[in-house]
PDB file of N, CA and C in Angstrom:
ATOM      1  N   MET A   1     -60.811  40.078 173.659  1.00  0.00           N
ATOM      2  CA  MET A   1     -60.191  39.584 172.429  1.00  0.00           C
ATOM      3  C   MET A   1     -58.742  40.062 172.405  1.00  0.00           C
ATOM      4  N   ASN A   2     -57.800  39.147 172.241  1.00  0.00           N
ATOM      5  CA  ASN A   2     -56.395  39.512 172.315  1.00  0.00           C
ATOM      6  C   ASN A   2     -55.768  39.830 170.964  1.00  0.00           C
ATOM      7  N   GLY A   3     -56.472  39.672 169.884  1.00  0.00           N
ATOM      8  CA  GLY A   3     -55.956  39.999 168.559  1.00  0.00           C
ATOM      9  C   GLY A   3     -55.241  38.862 167.862  1.00  0.00           C
ATOM     10  N   ALA A   4     -54.861  37.838 168.578  1.00  0.00           N
ATOM     11  CA  ALA A   4     -54.140  36.726 167.954  1.00  0.00           C
ATOM     12  C   ALA A   4     -55.016  36.008 166.939  1.00  0.00           C
ATOM     13  N   ARG A   5     -56.276  35.894 167.261  1.00  0.00           N
ATOM     14  CA  ARG A   5     -57.191  35.200 166.364  1.00  0.00           C
ATOM     15  C   ARG A   5     -57.463  36.037 165.109  1.00  0.00           C
ATOM     16  N   GLY A   6     -57.574  37.338 165.272  1.00  0.00           N
ATOM     17  CA  GLY A   6     -57.880  38.211 164.138  1.00  0.00           C
ATOM     18  C   GLY A   6     -56.667  38.571 163.306  1.00  0.00           C
ATOM     19  N   GLY A   7     -55.486  38.230 163.761  1.00  0.00           N
ATOM     20  CA  GLY A   7     -54.303  38.477 162.966  1.00  0.00           C
ATOM     21  C   GLY A   7     -53.646  39.820 163.210  1.00  0.00           C
ATOM     22  N   THR A   8     -53.992  40.493 164.290  1.00  0.00           N
ATOM     23  CA  THR A   8     -53.372  41.789 164.557  1.00  0.00           C
ATOM     24  C   THR A   8     -52.069  41.661 165.313  1.00  0.00           C
ATOM     25  N   HIS A   9     -51.791  40.505 165.855  1.00  0.00           N
ATOM     26  CA  HIS A   9     -50.527  40.253 166.543  1.00  0.00           C
ATOM     27  C   HIS A   9     -49.734  39.240 165.720  1.00  0.00           C
ATOM     28  N   PRO A  10     -48.446  39.473 165.549  1.00  0.00           N
ATOM     29  CA  PRO A  10     -47.655  38.509 164.776  1.00  0.00           C
ATOM     30  C   PRO A  10     -47.609  37.156 165.465  1.00  0.00           C
ATOM     31  N   SER A  11     -47.634  36.138 164.660  1.00  0.00           N
ATOM     32  CA  SER A  11     -47.517  34.788 165.207  1.00  0.00           C
ATOM     33  C   SER A  11     -46.150  34.239 164.821  1.00  0.00           C
ATOM     34  N   SER A  12     -45.709  33.252 165.523  1.00  0.00           N
ATOM     35  CA  SER A  12     -44.418  32.647 165.194  1.00  0.00           C
ATOM     36  C   SER A  12     -44.662  31.316 164.500  1.00  0.00           C
ATOM     37  N   LEU A  13     -43.703  30.924 163.687  1.00  0.00           N
ATOM     38  CA  LEU A  13     -43.802  29.661 162.965  1.00  0.00           C
ATOM     39  C   LEU A  13     -42.890  28.642 163.621  1.00  0.00           C
ATOM     40  N   ASP A  14     -43.374  27.429 163.731  1.00  0.00           N
ATOM     41  CA  ASP A  14     -42.501  26.383 164.259  1.00  0.00           C
ATOM     42  C   ASP A  14     -41.584  25.887 163.129  1.00  0.00           C
ATOM     43  N   HIS A  15     -40.692  24.993 163.444  1.00  0.00           N
ATOM     44  CA  HIS A  15     -39.695  24.520 162.482  1.00  0.00           C
ATOM     45  C   HIS A  15     -40.347  23.896 161.244  1.00  0.00           C
ATOM     46  N   ASP A  16     -41.365  23.075 161.433  1.00  0.00           N
ATOM     47  CA  ASP A  16     -42.032  22.414 160.309  1.00  0.00           C
ATOM     48  C   ASP A  16     -42.730  23.425 159.404  1.00  0.00           C
ATOM     49  N   GLU A  17     -43.401  24.398 159.991  1.00  0.00           N
ATOM     50  CA  GLU A  17     -44.081  25.419 159.195  1.00  0.00           C
ATOM     51  C   GLU A  17     -43.079  26.271 158.422  1.00  0.00           C
ATOM     52  N   LEU A  18     -41.981  26.622 159.054  1.00  0.00           N
ATOM     53  CA  LEU A  18     -40.949  27.408 158.396  1.00  0.00           C
ATOM     54  C   LEU A  18     -40.316  26.620 157.246  1.00  0.00           C
ATOM     55  N   SER A  19     -40.079  25.346 157.461  1.00  0.00           N
ATOM     56  CA  SER A  19     -39.518  24.489 156.418  1.00  0.00           C
ATOM     57  C   SER A  19     -40.473  24.389 155.232  1.00  0.00           C
ATOM     58  N   LEU A  20     -41.751  24.230 155.513  1.00  0.00           N
ATOM     59  CA  LEU A  20     -42.759  24.168 154.461  1.00  0.00           C
ATOM     60  C   LEU A  20     -42.815  25.480 153.682  1.00  0.00           C
ATOM     61  N   LEU A  21     -42.750  26.590 154.372  1.00  0.00           N
ATOM     62  CA  LEU A  21     -42.771  27.898 153.727  1.00  0.00           C
ATOM     63  C   LEU A  21     -41.543  28.088 152.835  1.00  0.00           C
ATOM     64  N   GLU A  22     -40.382  27.648 153.298  1.00  0.00           N
ATOM     65  CA  GLU A  22     -39.164  27.739 152.490  1.00  0.00           C
ATOM     66  C   GLU A  22     -39.272  26.878 151.236  1.00  0.00           C
ATOM     67  N   ASP A  23     -39.816  25.672 151.379  1.00  0.00           N
ATOM     68  CA  ASP A  23     -40.021  24.807 150.213  1.00  0.00           C
ATOM     69  C   ASP A  23     -40.971  25.459 149.217  1.00  0.00           C
ATOM     70  N   PHE A  24     -42.019  26.044 149.728  1.00  0.00           N
ATOM     71  CA  PHE A  24     -42.992  26.722 148.872  1.00  0.00           C
ATOM     72  C   PHE A  24     -42.344  27.892 148.136  1.00  0.00           C
ATOM     73  N   ALA A  25     -41.476  28.621 148.813  1.00  0.00           N
ATOM     74  CA  ALA A  25     -40.801  29.766 148.202  1.00  0.00           C
ATOM     75  C   ALA A  25     -39.833  29.329 147.105  1.00  0.00           C
ATOM     76  N   ARG A  26     -39.283  28.125 147.211  1.00  0.00           N
ATOM     77  CA  ARG A  26     -38.330  27.631 146.210  1.00  0.00           C
ATOM     78  C   ARG A  26     -39.014  27.030 144.981  1.00  0.00           C
ATOM     79  N   MET A  27     -40.300  26.795 145.049  1.00  0.00           N
ATOM     80  CA  MET A  27     -40.998  26.158 143.930  1.00  0.00           C
ATOM     81  C   MET A  27     -40.848  26.923 142.617  1.00  0.00           C
ATOM     82  N   PRO A  28     -41.046  28.242 142.581  1.00  0.00           N
ATOM     83  CA  PRO A  28     -40.876  28.951 141.301  1.00  0.00           C
ATOM     84  C   PRO A  28     -39.459  28.829 140.742  1.00  0.00           C
ATOM     85  N   GLU A  29     -38.456  28.851 141.609  1.00  0.00           N
ATOM     86  CA  GLU A  29     -37.077  28.692 141.152  1.00  0.00           C
ATOM     87  C   GLU A  29     -36.886  27.336 140.475  1.00  0.00           C
ATOM     88  N   ARG A  30     -37.443  26.295 141.078  1.00  0.00           N
ATOM     89  CA  ARG A  30     -37.313  24.953 140.502  1.00  0.00           C
ATOM     90  C   ARG A  30     -38.060  24.839 139.178  1.00  0.00           C
ATOM     91  N   GLU A  31     -39.220  25.476 139.096  1.00  0.00           N
ATOM     92  CA  GLU A  31     -39.990  25.443 137.851  1.00  0.00           C
ATOM     93  C   GLU A  31     -39.228  26.133 136.724  1.00  0.00           C
ATOM     94  N   ILE A  32     -38.636  27.283 137.026  1.00  0.00           N
ATOM     95  CA  ILE A  32     -37.869  28.013 136.014  1.00  0.00           C
ATOM     96  C   ILE A  32     -36.653  27.196 135.579  1.00  0.00           C
ATOM     97  N   ALA A  33     -35.965  26.591 136.523  1.00  0.00           N
ATOM     98  CA  ALA A  33     -34.798  25.763 136.193  1.00  0.00           C
ATOM     99  C   ALA A  33     -35.201  24.569 135.331  1.00  0.00           C
ATOM    100  N   ALA A  34     -36.315  23.934 135.654  1.00  0.00           N
ATOM    101  CA  ALA A  34     -36.785  22.786 134.871  1.00  0.00           C
ATOM    102  C   ALA A  34     -37.171  23.213 133.460  1.00  0.00           C
ATOM    103  N   LEU A  35     -37.828  24.355 133.334  1.00  0.00           N
ATOM    104  CA  LEU A  35     -38.201  24.866 132.015  1.00  0.00           C
ATOM    105  C   LEU A  35     -36.954  25.178 131.200  1.00  0.00           C
ATOM    106  N   HIS A  36     -35.967  25.769 131.841  1.00  0.00           N
ATOM    107  CA  HIS A  36     -34.715  26.086 131.146  1.00  0.00           C
ATOM    108  C   HIS A  36     -34.043  24.803 130.647  1.00  0.00           C
ATOM    109  N   LEU A  37     -33.986  23.785 131.483  1.00  0.00           N
ATOM    110  CA  LEU A  37     -33.375  22.517 131.069  1.00  0.00           C
ATOM    111  C   LEU A  37     -34.146  21.860 129.929  1.00  0.00           C
ATOM    112  N   ALA A  38     -35.471  21.982 129.966  1.00  0.00           N
ATOM    113  CA  ALA A  38     -36.306  21.332 128.960  1.00  0.00           C
ATOM    114  C   ALA A  38     -36.285  22.050 127.619  1.00  0.00           C
ATOM    115  N   THR A  39     -35.851  23.312 127.579  1.00  0.00           N
ATOM    116  CA  THR A  39     -35.917  24.091 126.343  1.00  0.00           C
ATOM    117  C   THR A  39     -34.553  24.571 125.859  1.00  0.00           C
ATOM    118  N   THR A  40     -33.477  24.043 126.433  1.00  0.00           N
ATOM    119  CA  THR A  40     -32.129  24.467 126.062  1.00  0.00           C
ATOM    120  C   THR A  40     -31.314  23.258 125.623  1.00  0.00           C
ATOM    121  N   ASP A  41     -30.585  23.422 124.529  1.00  0.00           N
ATOM    122  CA  ASP A  41     -29.703  22.365 124.050  1.00  0.00           C
ATOM    123  C   ASP A  41     -28.521  22.223 125.001  1.00  0.00           C
ATOM    124  N   ASP A  42     -28.227  20.999 125.408  1.00  0.00           N
ATOM    125  CA  ASP A  42     -27.136  20.759 126.362  1.00  0.00           C
ATOM    126  C   ASP A  42     -25.774  21.160 125.814  1.00  0.00           C
ATOM    127  N   LEU A  43     -25.542  20.888 124.551  1.00  0.00           N
ATOM    128  CA  LEU A  43     -24.230  21.127 123.968  1.00  0.00           C
ATOM    129  C   LEU A  43     -23.981  22.610 123.697  1.00  0.00           C
ATOM    130  N   THR A  44     -24.939  23.263 123.046  1.00  0.00           N
ATOM    131  CA  THR A  44     -24.732  24.657 122.630  1.00  0.00           C
ATOM    132  C   THR A  44     -25.225  25.673 123.648  1.00  0.00           C
ATOM    133  N   ARG A  45     -26.082  25.236 124.565  1.00  0.00           N
ATOM    134  CA  ARG A  45     -26.720  26.129 125.538  1.00  0.00           C
ATOM    135  C   ARG A  45     -27.637  27.156 124.866  1.00  0.00           C
ATOM    136  N   LEU A  46     -28.042  26.850 123.636  1.00  0.00           N
ATOM    137  CA  LEU A  46     -28.981  27.698 122.912  1.00  0.00           C
ATOM    138  C   LEU A  46     -30.380  27.123 123.050  1.00  0.00           C
ATOM    139  N   ILE A  47     -31.377  27.952 122.778  1.00  0.00           N
ATOM    140  CA  ILE A  47     -32.765  27.505 122.850  1.00  0.00           C
ATOM    141  C   ILE A  47     -32.984  26.409 121.798  1.00  0.00           C
ATOM    142  N   ASP A  48     -33.658  25.337 122.175  1.00  0.00           N
ATOM    143  CA  ASP A  48     -33.907  24.251 121.232  1.00  0.00           C
ATOM    144  C   ASP A  48     -35.279  24.434 120.579  1.00  0.00           C
ATOM    145  N   ARG A  49     -35.673  23.454 119.775  1.00  0.00           N
ATOM    146  CA  ARG A  49     -36.936  23.563 119.043  1.00  0.00           C
ATOM    147  C   ARG A  49     -38.125  23.720 119.981  1.00  0.00           C
ATOM    148  N   ARG A  50     -38.156  22.948 121.046  1.00  0.00           N
ATOM    149  CA  ARG A  50     -39.265  23.042 122.005  1.00  0.00           C
ATOM    150  C   ARG A  50     -39.327  24.442 122.613  1.00  0.00           C
ATOM    151  N   GLY A  51     -38.177  24.982 122.956  1.00  0.00           N
ATOM    152  CA  GLY A  51     -38.130  26.332 123.512  1.00  0.00           C
ATOM    153  C   GLY A  51     -38.566  27.371 122.502  1.00  0.00           C
ATOM    154  N   PHE A  52     -38.122  27.195 121.254  1.00  0.00           N
ATOM    155  CA  PHE A  52     -38.513  28.125 120.203  1.00  0.00           C
ATOM    156  C   PHE A  52     -40.018  28.086 119.974  1.00  0.00           C
ATOM    157  N   GLU A  53     -40.580  26.887 119.932  1.00  0.00           N
ATOM    158  CA  GLU A  53     -42.020  26.761 119.708  1.00  0.00           C
ATOM    159  C   GLU A  53     -42.813  27.338 120.878  1.00  0.00           C
ATOM    160  N   THR A  54     -42.339  27.137 122.092  1.00  0.00           N
ATOM    161  CA  THR A  54     -42.998  27.720 123.265  1.00  0.00           C
ATOM    162  C   THR A  54     -42.959  29.236 123.186  1.00  0.00           C
ATOM    163  N   LEU A  55     -41.797  29.767 122.840  1.00  0.00           N
ATOM    164  CA  LEU A  55     -41.650  31.214 122.699  1.00  0.00           C
ATOM    165  C   LEU A  55     -42.535  31.740 121.573  1.00  0.00           C
ATOM    166  N   ALA A  56     -42.612  31.004 120.463  1.00  0.00           N
ATOM    167  CA  ALA A  56     -43.451  31.425 119.340  1.00  0.00           C
ATOM    168  C   ALA A  56     -44.920  31.482 119.750  1.00  0.00           C
ATOM    169  N   ARG A  57     -45.384  30.485 120.504  1.00  0.00           N
ATOM    170  CA  ARG A  57     -46.775  30.513 120.981  1.00  0.00           C
ATOM    171  C   ARG A  57     -47.026  31.728 121.865  1.00  0.00           C
ATOM    172  N   HIS A  58     -46.077  32.008 122.743  1.00  0.00           N
ATOM    173  CA  HIS A  58     -46.208  33.151 123.646  1.00  0.00           C
ATOM    174  C   HIS A  58     -46.251  34.462 122.853  1.00  0.00           C
ATOM    175  N   VAL A  59     -45.344  34.612 121.893  1.00  0.00           N
ATOM    176  CA  VAL A  59     -45.309  35.831 121.074  1.00  0.00           C
ATOM    177  C   VAL A  59     -46.596  35.958 120.273  1.00  0.00           C
ATOM    178  N   HIS A  60     -47.066  34.853 119.709  1.00  0.00           N
ATOM    179  CA  HIS A  60     -48.306  34.889 118.931  1.00  0.00           C
ATOM    180  C   HIS A  60     -49.480  35.342 119.796  1.00  0.00           C
ATOM    181  N   ALA A  61     -49.571  34.797 120.992  1.00  0.00           N
ATOM    182  CA  ALA A  61     -50.663  35.187 121.894  1.00  0.00           C
ATOM    183  C   ALA A  61     -50.565  36.661 122.258  1.00  0.00           C
ATOM    184  N   ARG A  62     -49.358  37.133 122.511  1.00  0.00           N
ATOM    185  CA  ARG A  62     -49.169  38.545 122.857  1.00  0.00           C
ATOM    186  C   ARG A  62     -49.519  39.446 121.681  1.00  0.00           C
ATOM    187  N   LEU A  63     -49.077  39.076 120.476  1.00  0.00           N
ATOM    188  CA  LEU A  63     -49.353  39.900 119.303  1.00  0.00           C
ATOM    189  C   LEU A  63     -50.836  39.885 118.954  1.00  0.00           C
ATOM    190  N   ALA A  64     -51.485  38.755 119.104  1.00  0.00           N
ATOM    191  CA  ALA A  64     -52.903  38.649 118.762  1.00  0.00           C
ATOM    192  C   ALA A  64     -53.775  39.412 119.750  1.00  0.00           C
ATOM    193  N   GLY A  65     -53.328  39.553 120.991  1.00  0.00           N
ATOM    194  CA  GLY A  65     -54.155  40.190 122.005  1.00  0.00           C
ATOM    195  C   GLY A  65     -53.791  41.624 122.317  1.00  0.00           C
ATOM    196  N   THR A  66     -52.831  42.191 121.611  1.00  0.00           N
ATOM    197  CA  THR A  66     -52.388  43.544 121.922  1.00  0.00           C
ATOM    198  C   THR A  66     -53.265  44.593 121.255  1.00  0.00           C
ATOM    199  N   ALA A  67     -53.375  45.742 121.901  1.00  0.00           N
ATOM    200  CA  ALA A  67     -54.161  46.840 121.348  1.00  0.00           C
ATOM    201  C   ALA A  67     -53.381  47.553 120.246  1.00  0.00           C
ATOM    202  N   GLN A  68     -52.059  47.523 120.338  1.00  0.00           N
ATOM    203  CA  GLN A  68     -51.236  48.158 119.320  1.00  0.00           C
ATOM    204  C   GLN A  68     -51.035  47.188 118.166  1.00  0.00           C
ATOM    205  N   PRO A  69     -51.041  47.700 116.945  1.00  0.00           N
ATOM    206  CA  PRO A  69     -50.795  46.795 115.825  1.00  0.00           C
ATOM    207  C   PRO A  69     -49.353  46.306 115.842  1.00  0.00           C
ATOM    208  N   PRO A  70     -49.143  45.029 115.573  1.00  0.00           N
ATOM    209  CA  PRO A  70     -47.775  44.513 115.542  1.00  0.00           C
ATOM    210  C   PRO A  70     -47.024  45.044 114.333  1.00  0.00           C
ATOM    211  N   GLN A  71     -45.734  44.883 114.339  1.00  0.00           N
ATOM    212  CA  GLN A  71     -44.941  45.284 113.183  1.00  0.00           C
ATOM    213  C   GLN A  71     -45.379  44.446 111.994  1.00  0.00           C
ATOM    214  N   PRO A  72     -45.289  45.003 110.797  1.00  0.00           N
ATOM    215  CA  PRO A  72     -45.748  44.273 109.612  1.00  0.00           C
ATOM    216  C   PRO A  72     -45.117  42.887 109.520  1.00  0.00           C
ATOM    217  N   GLY A  73     -45.950  41.914 109.331  1.00  0.00           N
ATOM    218  CA  GLY A  73     -45.481  40.550 109.154  1.00  0.00           C
ATOM    219  C   GLY A  73     -45.263  39.761 110.429  1.00  0.00           C
ATOM    220  N   ALA A  74     -45.175  40.432 111.575  1.00  0.00           N
ATOM    221  CA  ALA A  74     -44.863  39.725 112.820  1.00  0.00           C
ATOM    222  C   ALA A  74     -45.954  38.730 113.188  1.00  0.00           C
ATOM    223  N   LEU A  75     -47.207  39.144 113.086  1.00  0.00           N
ATOM    224  CA  LEU A  75     -48.307  38.247 113.428  1.00  0.00           C
ATOM    225  C   LEU A  75     -48.396  37.094 112.430  1.00  0.00           C
ATOM    226  N   ALA A  76     -48.158  37.385 111.157  1.00  0.00           N
ATOM    227  CA  ALA A  76     -48.205  36.330 110.143  1.00  0.00           C
ATOM    228  C   ALA A  76     -47.114  35.290 110.385  1.00  0.00           C
ATOM    229  N   ILE A  77     -45.920  35.753 110.723  1.00  0.00           N
ATOM    230  CA  ILE A  77     -44.816  34.825 110.990  1.00  0.00           C
ATOM    231  C   ILE A  77     -45.133  33.974 112.214  1.00  0.00           C
ATOM    232  N   ALA A  78     -45.592  34.630 113.284  1.00  0.00           N
ATOM    233  CA  ALA A  78     -45.931  33.891 114.503  1.00  0.00           C
ATOM    234  C   ALA A  78     -47.072  32.912 114.239  1.00  0.00           C
ATOM    235  N   SER A  79     -48.044  33.303 113.412  1.00  0.00           N
ATOM    236  CA  SER A  79     -49.162  32.412 113.080  1.00  0.00           C
ATOM    237  C   SER A  79     -48.679  31.186 112.321  1.00  0.00           C
ATOM    238  N   ARG A  80     -47.774  31.399 111.361  1.00  0.00           N
ATOM    239  CA  ARG A  80     -47.240  30.273 110.597  1.00  0.00           C
ATOM    240  C   ARG A  80     -46.464  29.312 111.489  1.00  0.00           C
ATOM    241  N   ILE A  81     -45.655  29.862 112.378  1.00  0.00           N
ATOM    242  CA  ILE A  81     -44.884  29.019 113.291  1.00  0.00           C
ATOM    243  C   ILE A  81     -45.826  28.211 114.174  1.00  0.00           C
ATOM    244  N   CYS A  82     -46.841  28.900 114.733  1.00  0.00           N
ATOM    245  CA  CYS A  82     -47.765  28.224 115.647  1.00  0.00           C
ATOM    246  C   CYS A  82     -48.637  27.211 114.927  1.00  0.00           C
ATOM    247  N   SER A  83     -48.992  27.461 113.671  1.00  0.00           N
ATOM    248  CA  SER A  83     -49.803  26.476 112.953  1.00  0.00           C
ATOM    249  C   SER A  83     -48.992  25.210 112.712  1.00  0.00           C
ATOM    250  N   GLY A  84     -47.702  25.348 112.493  1.00  0.00           N
ATOM    251  CA  GLY A  84     -46.836  24.177 112.368  1.00  0.00           C
ATOM    252  C   GLY A  84     -46.712  23.441 113.677  1.00  0.00           C
ATOM    253  N   VAL A  85     -46.713  24.173 114.769  1.00  0.00           N
ATOM    254  CA  VAL A  85     -46.619  23.567 116.098  1.00  0.00           C
ATOM    255  C   VAL A  85     -47.881  22.785 116.403  1.00  0.00           C
ATOM    256  N   ARG A  86     -49.043  23.354 116.083  1.00  0.00           N
ATOM    257  CA  ARG A  86     -50.316  22.698 116.384  1.00  0.00           C
ATOM    258  C   ARG A  86     -50.520  21.437 115.555  1.00  0.00           C
ATOM    259  N   SER A  87     -49.943  21.392 114.349  1.00  0.00           N
ATOM    260  CA  SER A  87     -50.188  20.239 113.487  1.00  0.00           C
ATOM    261  C   SER A  87     -49.382  19.014 113.903  1.00  0.00           C
ATOM    262  N   ARG A  88     -48.440  19.188 114.819  1.00  0.00           N
ATOM    263  CA  ARG A  88     -47.607  18.047 115.249  1.00  0.00           C
ATOM    264  C   ARG A  88     -48.301  17.217 116.275  1.00  0.00           C
TER     265      ARG A  88
END
């Protein structure tokens, strides 16, 4: 047994495999860029309503699932925001 099959010896990647690996590595960057474009106002470069609502859902989930009690009112505010989001 030479180890190549078991993975104890490094293998080399051909051009196509390397290209595929590079594309795969860039996927998270593209996802983050797309999310940023989808949640940012073009003119002001500030977070838009969709971004705010996404952030509110995330904060609500974090506050609802945390072992530490949230600051007074934080969960209620996040709940109100998210209930408005769900009703749309």
